[in-house]
Amino acid sequence: GFAVFVLTAIPFVNLIVMPAAVCGATKLWVE
C-alpha cells in the first residue's frame, strides 16, 4: 500500500499505477 501511495502522488506516473497495482497484487496473491 505504501508503494502505491507514493507513486500515486507523482504526476503522470500515477496514470499507470492502477494496472500496475492490479498486476502486482495478483502476483502477491499467487505467492
PDB file of all heavy atoms in Angstrom:
ATOM      1  N   GLY A   1       0.813  -1.219   0.000  1.00  0.00           N
ATOM      2  CA  GLY A   1       0.000   0.000   0.000  1.00  0.00           C
ATOM      3  C   GLY A   1       0.844   1.265   0.000  1.00  0.00           C
ATOM      4  O   GLY A   1       0.495   2.251  -0.654  1.00  0.00           O
ATOM      5  N   PHE A   2       1.972   1.243   0.723  1.00  0.00           N
ATOM      6  CA  PHE A   2       2.834   2.432   0.773  1.00  0.00           C
ATOM      7  C   PHE A   2       3.450   2.717  -0.589  1.00  0.00           C
ATOM      8  O   PHE A   2       3.543   3.879  -1.006  1.00  0.00           O
ATOM      9  CB  PHE A   2       3.939   2.230   1.811  1.00  0.00           C
ATOM     10  CG  PHE A   2       4.867   3.415   1.930  1.00  0.00           C
ATOM     11  CD1 PHE A   2       4.436   4.575   2.542  1.00  0.00           C
ATOM     12  CD2 PHE A   2       6.156   3.360   1.417  1.00  0.00           C
ATOM     13  CE1 PHE A   2       5.286   5.679   2.637  1.00  0.00           C
ATOM     14  CE2 PHE A   2       7.006   4.446   1.508  1.00  0.00           C
ATOM     15  CZ  PHE A   2       6.576   5.610   2.127  1.00  0.00           C
ATOM     16  N   ALA A   3       3.869   1.668  -1.297  1.00  0.00           N
ATOM     17  CA  ALA A   3       4.441   1.859  -2.636  1.00  0.00           C
ATOM     18  C   ALA A   3       3.417   2.467  -3.576  1.00  0.00           C
ATOM     19  O   ALA A   3       3.729   3.383  -4.350  1.00  0.00           O
ATOM     20  CB  ALA A   3       4.947   0.525  -3.182  1.00  0.00           C
ATOM     21  N   VAL A   4       2.179   1.985  -3.508  1.00  0.00           N
ATOM     22  CA  VAL A   4       1.106   2.556  -4.336  1.00  0.00           C
ATOM     23  C   VAL A   4       0.867   4.011  -3.938  1.00  0.00           C
ATOM     24  O   VAL A   4       0.708   4.890  -4.794  1.00  0.00           O
ATOM     25  CB  VAL A   4      -0.199   1.746  -4.188  1.00  0.00           C
ATOM     26  CG1 VAL A   4      -1.321   2.379  -5.017  1.00  0.00           C
ATOM     27  CG2 VAL A   4       0.011   0.298  -4.622  1.00  0.00           C
ATOM     28  N   PHE A   5       0.853   4.271  -2.648  1.00  0.00           N
ATOM     29  CA  PHE A   5       0.628   5.620  -2.116  1.00  0.00           C
ATOM     30  C   PHE A   5       1.647   6.616  -2.667  1.00  0.00           C
ATOM     31  O   PHE A   5       1.296   7.707  -3.118  1.00  0.00           O
ATOM     32  CB  PHE A   5       0.696   5.569  -0.596  1.00  0.00           C
ATOM     33  CG  PHE A   5       0.722   6.913   0.083  1.00  0.00           C
ATOM     34  CD1 PHE A   5      -0.425   7.664   0.209  1.00  0.00           C
ATOM     35  CD2 PHE A   5       1.911   7.415   0.606  1.00  0.00           C
ATOM     36  CE1 PHE A   5      -0.398   8.900   0.831  1.00  0.00           C
ATOM     37  CE2 PHE A   5       1.947   8.645   1.236  1.00  0.00           C
ATOM     38  CZ  PHE A   5       0.784   9.395   1.350  1.00  0.00           C
ATOM     39  N   VAL A   6       2.912   6.229  -2.639  1.00  0.00           N
ATOM     40  CA  VAL A   6       3.984   7.132  -3.081  1.00  0.00           C
ATOM     41  C   VAL A   6       3.873   7.415  -4.579  1.00  0.00           C
ATOM     42  O   VAL A   6       3.930   8.572  -5.006  1.00  0.00           O
ATOM     43  CB  VAL A   6       5.371   6.532  -2.752  1.00  0.00           C
ATOM     44  CG1 VAL A   6       6.477   7.361  -3.397  1.00  0.00           C
ATOM     45  CG2 VAL A   6       5.575   6.479  -1.242  1.00  0.00           C
ATOM     46  N   LEU A   7       3.695   6.384  -5.377  1.00  0.00           N
ATOM     47  CA  LEU A   7       3.678   6.594  -6.828  1.00  0.00           C
ATOM     48  C   LEU A   7       2.383   7.231  -7.314  1.00  0.00           C
ATOM     49  O   LEU A   7       2.380   7.899  -8.342  1.00  0.00           O
ATOM     50  CB  LEU A   7       3.929   5.276  -7.574  1.00  0.00           C
ATOM     51  CG  LEU A   7       5.423   5.017  -7.855  1.00  0.00           C
ATOM     52  CD1 LEU A   7       6.151   4.650  -6.571  1.00  0.00           C
ATOM     53  CD2 LEU A   7       5.620   3.934  -8.893  1.00  0.00           C
ATOM     54  N   THR A   8       1.303   7.053  -6.561  1.00  0.00           N
ATOM     55  CA  THR A   8       0.055   7.716  -6.932  1.00  0.00           C
ATOM     56  C   THR A   8       0.171   9.224  -6.766  1.00  0.00           C
ATOM     57  O   THR A   8      -0.537   9.982  -7.434  1.00  0.00           O
ATOM     58  CB  THR A   8      -1.115   7.180  -6.072  1.00  0.00           C
ATOM     59  OG1 THR A   8      -1.248   5.777  -6.284  1.00  0.00           O
ATOM     60  CG2 THR A   8      -2.439   7.836  -6.452  1.00  0.00           C
ATOM     61  N   ALA A   9       1.060   9.665  -5.888  1.00  0.00           N
ATOM     62  CA  ALA A   9       1.246  11.095  -5.648  1.00  0.00           C
ATOM     63  C   ALA A   9       2.172  11.748  -6.663  1.00  0.00           C
ATOM     64  O   ALA A   9       2.360  12.963  -6.626  1.00  0.00           O
ATOM     65  CB  ALA A   9       1.790  11.314  -4.233  1.00  0.00           C
ATOM     66  N   ILE A  10       2.751  10.967  -7.576  1.00  0.00           N
ATOM     67  CA  ILE A  10       3.674  11.515  -8.579  1.00  0.00           C
ATOM     68  C   ILE A  10       2.920  11.759  -9.888  1.00  0.00           C
ATOM     69  O   ILE A  10       2.405  10.812 -10.491  1.00  0.00           O
ATOM     70  CB  ILE A  10       4.850  10.556  -8.835  1.00  0.00           C
ATOM     71  CG1 ILE A  10       5.611  10.292  -7.534  1.00  0.00           C
ATOM     72  CG2 ILE A  10       5.791  11.128  -9.896  1.00  0.00           C
ATOM     73  CD1 ILE A  10       6.720   9.276  -7.663  1.00  0.00           C
ATOM     74  N   PRO A  11       2.811  13.025 -10.324  1.00  0.00           N
ATOM     75  CA  PRO A  11       2.091  13.315 -11.567  1.00  0.00           C
ATOM     76  C   PRO A  11       2.631  12.516 -12.749  1.00  0.00           C
ATOM     77  O   PRO A  11       3.829  12.260 -12.854  1.00  0.00           O
ATOM     78  CB  PRO A  11       2.340  14.826 -11.762  1.00  0.00           C
ATOM     79  CG  PRO A  11       2.621  15.335 -10.378  1.00  0.00           C
ATOM     80  CD  PRO A  11       3.349  14.227  -9.677  1.00  0.00           C
ATOM     81  N   PHE A  12       1.722  12.108 -13.623  1.00  0.00           N
ATOM     82  CA  PHE A  12       1.988  11.326 -14.842  1.00  0.00           C
ATOM     83  C   PHE A  12       2.287   9.856 -14.520  1.00  0.00           C
ATOM     84  O   PHE A  12       1.740   8.973 -15.163  1.00  0.00           O
ATOM     85  CB  PHE A  12       3.121  11.944 -15.683  1.00  0.00           C
ATOM     86  CG  PHE A  12       2.838  13.352 -16.100  1.00  0.00           C
ATOM     87  CD1 PHE A  12       3.553  14.412 -15.561  1.00  0.00           C
ATOM     88  CD2 PHE A  12       1.845  13.625 -17.032  1.00  0.00           C
ATOM     89  CE1 PHE A  12       3.283  15.715 -15.945  1.00  0.00           C
ATOM     90  CE2 PHE A  12       1.570  14.931 -17.422  1.00  0.00           C
ATOM     91  CZ  PHE A  12       2.288  15.980 -16.883  1.00  0.00           C
ATOM     92  N   VAL A  13       3.148   9.612 -13.529  1.00  0.00           N
ATOM     93  CA  VAL A  13       3.380   8.222 -13.119  1.00  0.00           C
ATOM     94  C   VAL A  13       2.084   7.616 -12.604  1.00  0.00           C
ATOM     95  O   VAL A  13       1.787   6.443 -12.844  1.00  0.00           O
ATOM     96  CB  VAL A  13       4.477   8.141 -12.039  1.00  0.00           C
ATOM     97  CG1 VAL A  13       4.624   6.712 -11.531  1.00  0.00           C
ATOM     98  CG2 VAL A  13       5.806   8.638 -12.583  1.00  0.00           C
ATOM     99  N   ASN A  14       1.274   8.441 -11.895  1.00  0.00           N
ATOM    100  CA  ASN A  14       0.039   7.928 -11.315  1.00  0.00           C
ATOM    101  C   ASN A  14      -0.971   7.450 -12.356  1.00  0.00           C
ATOM    102  O   ASN A  14      -1.907   6.716 -12.039  1.00  0.00           O
ATOM    103  CB  ASN A  14      -0.610   8.961 -10.375  1.00  0.00           C
ATOM    104  CG  ASN A  14      -0.836  10.307 -11.050  1.00  0.00           C
ATOM    105  OD1 ASN A  14      -0.906  10.420 -12.263  1.00  0.00           O
ATOM    106  ND2 ASN A  14      -0.953  11.332 -10.226  1.00  0.00           N
ATOM    107  N   LEU A  15      -0.749   7.835 -13.608  1.00  0.00           N
ATOM    108  CA  LEU A  15      -1.682   7.422 -14.661  1.00  0.00           C
ATOM    109  C   LEU A  15      -1.573   5.933 -14.972  1.00  0.00           C
ATOM    110  O   LEU A  15      -2.525   5.330 -15.476  1.00  0.00           O
ATOM    111  CB  LEU A  15      -1.447   8.244 -15.934  1.00  0.00           C
ATOM    112  CG  LEU A  15      -1.663   9.756 -15.795  1.00  0.00           C
ATOM    113  CD1 LEU A  15      -1.356  10.456 -17.118  1.00  0.00           C
ATOM    114  CD2 LEU A  15      -3.090  10.071 -15.351  1.00  0.00           C
ATOM    115  N   ILE A  16      -0.422   5.324 -14.679  1.00  0.00           N
ATOM    116  CA  ILE A  16      -0.250   3.900 -14.969  1.00  0.00           C
ATOM    117  C   ILE A  16      -0.208   3.058 -13.697  1.00  0.00           C
ATOM    118  O   ILE A  16       0.062   1.864 -13.746  1.00  0.00           O
ATOM    119  CB  ILE A  16       1.015   3.631 -15.811  1.00  0.00           C
ATOM    120  CG1 ILE A  16       2.270   4.099 -15.064  1.00  0.00           C
ATOM    121  CG2 ILE A  16       0.910   4.284 -17.178  1.00  0.00           C
ATOM    122  CD1 ILE A  16       3.561   3.703 -15.760  1.00  0.00           C
ATOM    123  N   VAL A  17      -0.484   3.691 -12.559  1.00  0.00           N
ATOM    124  CA  VAL A  17      -0.431   2.970 -11.286  1.00  0.00           C
ATOM    125  C   VAL A  17      -1.510   1.895 -11.211  1.00  0.00           C
ATOM    126  O   VAL A  17      -1.248   0.784 -10.731  1.00  0.00           O
ATOM    127  CB  VAL A  17      -0.562   3.952 -10.103  1.00  0.00           C
ATOM    128  CG1 VAL A  17      -0.951   3.218  -8.821  1.00  0.00           C
ATOM    129  CG2 VAL A  17       0.757   4.683  -9.884  1.00  0.00           C
ATOM    130  N   MET A  18      -2.725   2.193 -11.664  1.00  0.00           N
ATOM    131  CA  MET A  18      -3.839   1.260 -11.487  1.00  0.00           C
ATOM    132  C   MET A  18      -3.568  -0.113 -12.104  1.00  0.00           C
ATOM    133  O   MET A  18      -3.626  -1.129 -11.386  1.00  0.00           O
ATOM    134  CB  MET A  18      -5.147   1.840 -12.029  1.00  0.00           C
ATOM    135  CG  MET A  18      -6.357   0.923 -11.805  1.00  0.00           C
ATOM    136  SD  MET A  18      -7.933   1.731 -12.146  1.00  0.00           S
ATOM    137  CE  MET A  18      -7.843   1.897 -13.935  1.00  0.00           C
ATOM    138  N   PRO A  19      -3.259  -0.221 -13.403  1.00  0.00           N
ATOM    139  CA  PRO A  19      -2.999  -1.560 -13.945  1.00  0.00           C
ATOM    140  C   PRO A  19      -1.764  -2.215 -13.350  1.00  0.00           C
ATOM    141  O   PRO A  19      -1.732  -3.435 -13.156  1.00  0.00           O
ATOM    142  CB  PRO A  19      -2.833  -1.312 -15.447  1.00  0.00           C
ATOM    143  CG  PRO A  19      -2.506   0.131 -15.586  1.00  0.00           C
ATOM    144  CD  PRO A  19      -3.215   0.811 -14.461  1.00  0.00           C
ATOM    145  N   ALA A  20      -0.731  -1.423 -13.025  1.00  0.00           N
ATOM    146  CA  ALA A  20       0.473  -1.993 -12.406  1.00  0.00           C
ATOM    147  C   ALA A  20       0.150  -2.563 -11.031  1.00  0.00           C
ATOM    148  O   ALA A  20       0.650  -3.628 -10.645  1.00  0.00           O
ATOM    149  CB  ALA A  20       1.560  -0.924 -12.296  1.00  0.00           C
ATOM    150  N   ALA A  21      -0.698  -1.854 -10.274  1.00  0.00           N
ATOM    151  CA  ALA A  21      -1.073  -2.318  -8.940  1.00  0.00           C
ATOM    152  C   ALA A  21      -1.902  -3.600  -9.012  1.00  0.00           C
ATOM    153  O   ALA A  21      -1.752  -4.491  -8.178  1.00  0.00           O
ATOM    154  CB  ALA A  21      -1.842  -1.231  -8.200  1.00  0.00           C
ATOM    155  N   VAL A  22      -2.782  -3.701 -10.013  1.00  0.00           N
ATOM    156  CA  VAL A  22      -3.573  -4.921 -10.193  1.00  0.00           C
ATOM    157  C   VAL A  22      -2.645  -6.096 -10.485  1.00  0.00           C
ATOM    158  O   VAL A  22      -2.795  -7.189  -9.904  1.00  0.00           O
ATOM    159  CB  VAL A  22      -4.600  -4.753 -11.329  1.00  0.00           C
ATOM    160  CG1 VAL A  22      -5.306  -6.079 -11.619  1.00  0.00           C
ATOM    161  CG2 VAL A  22      -5.635  -3.688 -10.975  1.00  0.00           C
ATOM    162  N   CYS A  23      -1.677  -5.880 -11.362  1.00  0.00           N
ATOM    163  CA  CYS A  23      -0.723  -6.945 -11.698  1.00  0.00           C
ATOM    164  C   CYS A  23       0.105  -7.346 -10.483  1.00  0.00           C
ATOM    165  O   CYS A  23       0.290  -8.531 -10.191  1.00  0.00           O
ATOM    166  CB  CYS A  23       0.203  -6.483 -12.825  1.00  0.00           C
ATOM    167  SG  CYS A  23      -0.608  -6.226 -14.421  1.00  0.00           S
ATOM    168  N   GLY A  24       0.622  -6.349  -9.759  1.00  0.00           N
ATOM    169  CA  GLY A  24       1.447  -6.635  -8.592  1.00  0.00           C
ATOM    170  C   GLY A  24       0.675  -7.331  -7.490  1.00  0.00           C
ATOM    171  O   GLY A  24       1.185  -8.253  -6.838  1.00  0.00           O
ATOM    172  N   ALA A  25      -0.567  -6.900  -7.272  1.00  0.00           N
ATOM    173  CA  ALA A  25      -1.396  -7.513  -6.237  1.00  0.00           C
ATOM    174  C   ALA A  25      -1.719  -8.966  -6.586  1.00  0.00           C
ATOM    175  O   ALA A  25      -1.792  -9.822  -5.696  1.00  0.00           O
ATOM    176  CB  ALA A  25      -2.686  -6.717  -6.056  1.00  0.00           C
ATOM    177  N   THR A  26      -1.904  -9.240  -7.861  1.00  0.00           N
ATOM    178  CA  THR A  26      -2.198 -10.612  -8.284  1.00  0.00           C
ATOM    179  C   THR A  26      -0.987 -11.510  -8.052  1.00  0.00           C
ATOM    180  O   THR A  26      -1.126 -12.658  -7.616  1.00  0.00           O
ATOM    181  CB  THR A  26      -2.616 -10.647  -9.759  1.00  0.00           C
ATOM    182  OG1 THR A  26      -3.721  -9.751  -9.961  1.00  0.00           O
ATOM    183  CG2 THR A  26      -3.030 -12.046 -10.176  1.00  0.00           C
ATOM    184  N   LYS A  27       0.201 -10.991  -8.322  1.00  0.00           N
ATOM    185  CA  LYS A  27       1.426 -11.753  -8.045  1.00  0.00           C
ATOM    186  C   LYS A  27       1.555 -12.008  -6.544  1.00  0.00           C
ATOM    187  O   LYS A  27       1.937 -13.104  -6.110  1.00  0.00           O
ATOM    188  CB  LYS A  27       2.641 -10.980  -8.558  1.00  0.00           C
ATOM    189  CG  LYS A  27       3.990 -11.686  -8.337  1.00  0.00           C
ATOM    190  CD  LYS A  27       5.122 -10.880  -8.954  1.00  0.00           C
ATOM    191  CE  LYS A  27       6.486 -11.482  -8.621  1.00  0.00           C
ATOM    192  NZ  LYS A  27       6.661 -12.833  -9.216  1.00  0.00           N
ATOM    193  N   LEU A  28       1.223 -11.006  -5.750  1.00  0.00           N
ATOM    194  CA  LEU A  28       1.264 -11.149  -4.297  1.00  0.00           C
ATOM    195  C   LEU A  28       0.284 -12.238  -3.850  1.00  0.00           C
ATOM    196  O   LEU A  28       0.602 -13.063  -2.989  1.00  0.00           O
ATOM    197  CB  LEU A  28       0.917  -9.807  -3.643  1.00  0.00           C
ATOM    198  CG  LEU A  28       1.129  -9.659  -2.137  1.00  0.00           C
ATOM    199  CD1 LEU A  28       1.348  -8.185  -1.787  1.00  0.00           C
ATOM    200  CD2 LEU A  28      -0.040 -10.194  -1.329  1.00  0.00           C
ATOM    201  N   TRP A  29      -0.916 -12.241  -4.442  1.00  0.00           N
ATOM    202  CA  TRP A  29      -1.924 -13.266  -4.139  1.00  0.00           C
ATOM    203  C   TRP A  29      -1.414 -14.671  -4.470  1.00  0.00           C
ATOM    204  O   TRP A  29      -1.520 -15.587  -3.651  1.00  0.00           O
ATOM    205  CB  TRP A  29      -3.205 -12.966  -4.898  1.00  0.00           C
ATOM    206  CG  TRP A  29      -4.004 -14.185  -5.275  1.00  0.00           C
ATOM    207  CD1 TRP A  29      -3.939 -14.896  -6.437  1.00  0.00           C
ATOM    208  CD2 TRP A  29      -4.973 -14.867  -4.464  1.00  0.00           C
ATOM    209  NE1 TRP A  29      -4.802 -15.962  -6.416  1.00  0.00           N
ATOM    210  CE2 TRP A  29      -5.455 -15.977  -5.213  1.00  0.00           C
ATOM    211  CE3 TRP A  29      -5.487 -14.653  -3.187  1.00  0.00           C
ATOM    212  CZ2 TRP A  29      -6.418 -16.853  -4.738  1.00  0.00           C
ATOM    213  CZ3 TRP A  29      -6.452 -15.529  -2.699  1.00  0.00           C
ATOM    214  CH2 TRP A  29      -6.902 -16.615  -3.467  1.00  0.00           C
ATOM    215  N   VAL A  30      -0.858 -14.813  -5.660  1.00  0.00           N
ATOM    216  CA  VAL A  30      -0.411 -16.130  -6.130  1.00  0.00           C
ATOM    217  C   VAL A  30       0.652 -16.704  -5.202  1.00  0.00           C
ATOM    218  O   VAL A  30       0.623 -17.899  -4.862  1.00  0.00           O
ATOM    219  CB  VAL A  30       0.124 -16.035  -7.575  1.00  0.00           C
ATOM    220  CG1 VAL A  30       0.870 -17.312  -7.969  1.00  0.00           C
ATOM    221  CG2 VAL A  30      -1.028 -15.782  -8.543  1.00  0.00           C
ATOM    222  N   GLU A  31       1.570 -15.867  -4.749  1.00  0.00           N
ATOM    223  CA  GLU A  31       2.712 -16.363  -3.981  1.00  0.00           C
ATOM    224  C   GLU A  31       2.477 -16.424  -2.473  1.00  0.00           C
ATOM    225  O   GLU A  31       3.273 -17.027  -1.753  1.00  0.00           O
ATOM    226  CB  GLU A  31       3.936 -15.488  -4.282  1.00  0.00           C
ATOM    227  CG  GLU A  31       4.377 -15.570  -5.738  1.00  0.00           C
ATOM    228  CD  GLU A  31       5.638 -14.763  -6.050  1.00  0.00           C
ATOM    229  OE1 GLU A  31       6.212 -14.196  -5.086  1.00  0.00           O
ATOM    230  OE2 GLU A  31       6.031 -14.700  -7.226  1.00  0.00           O
TER     231      GLU A  31
END
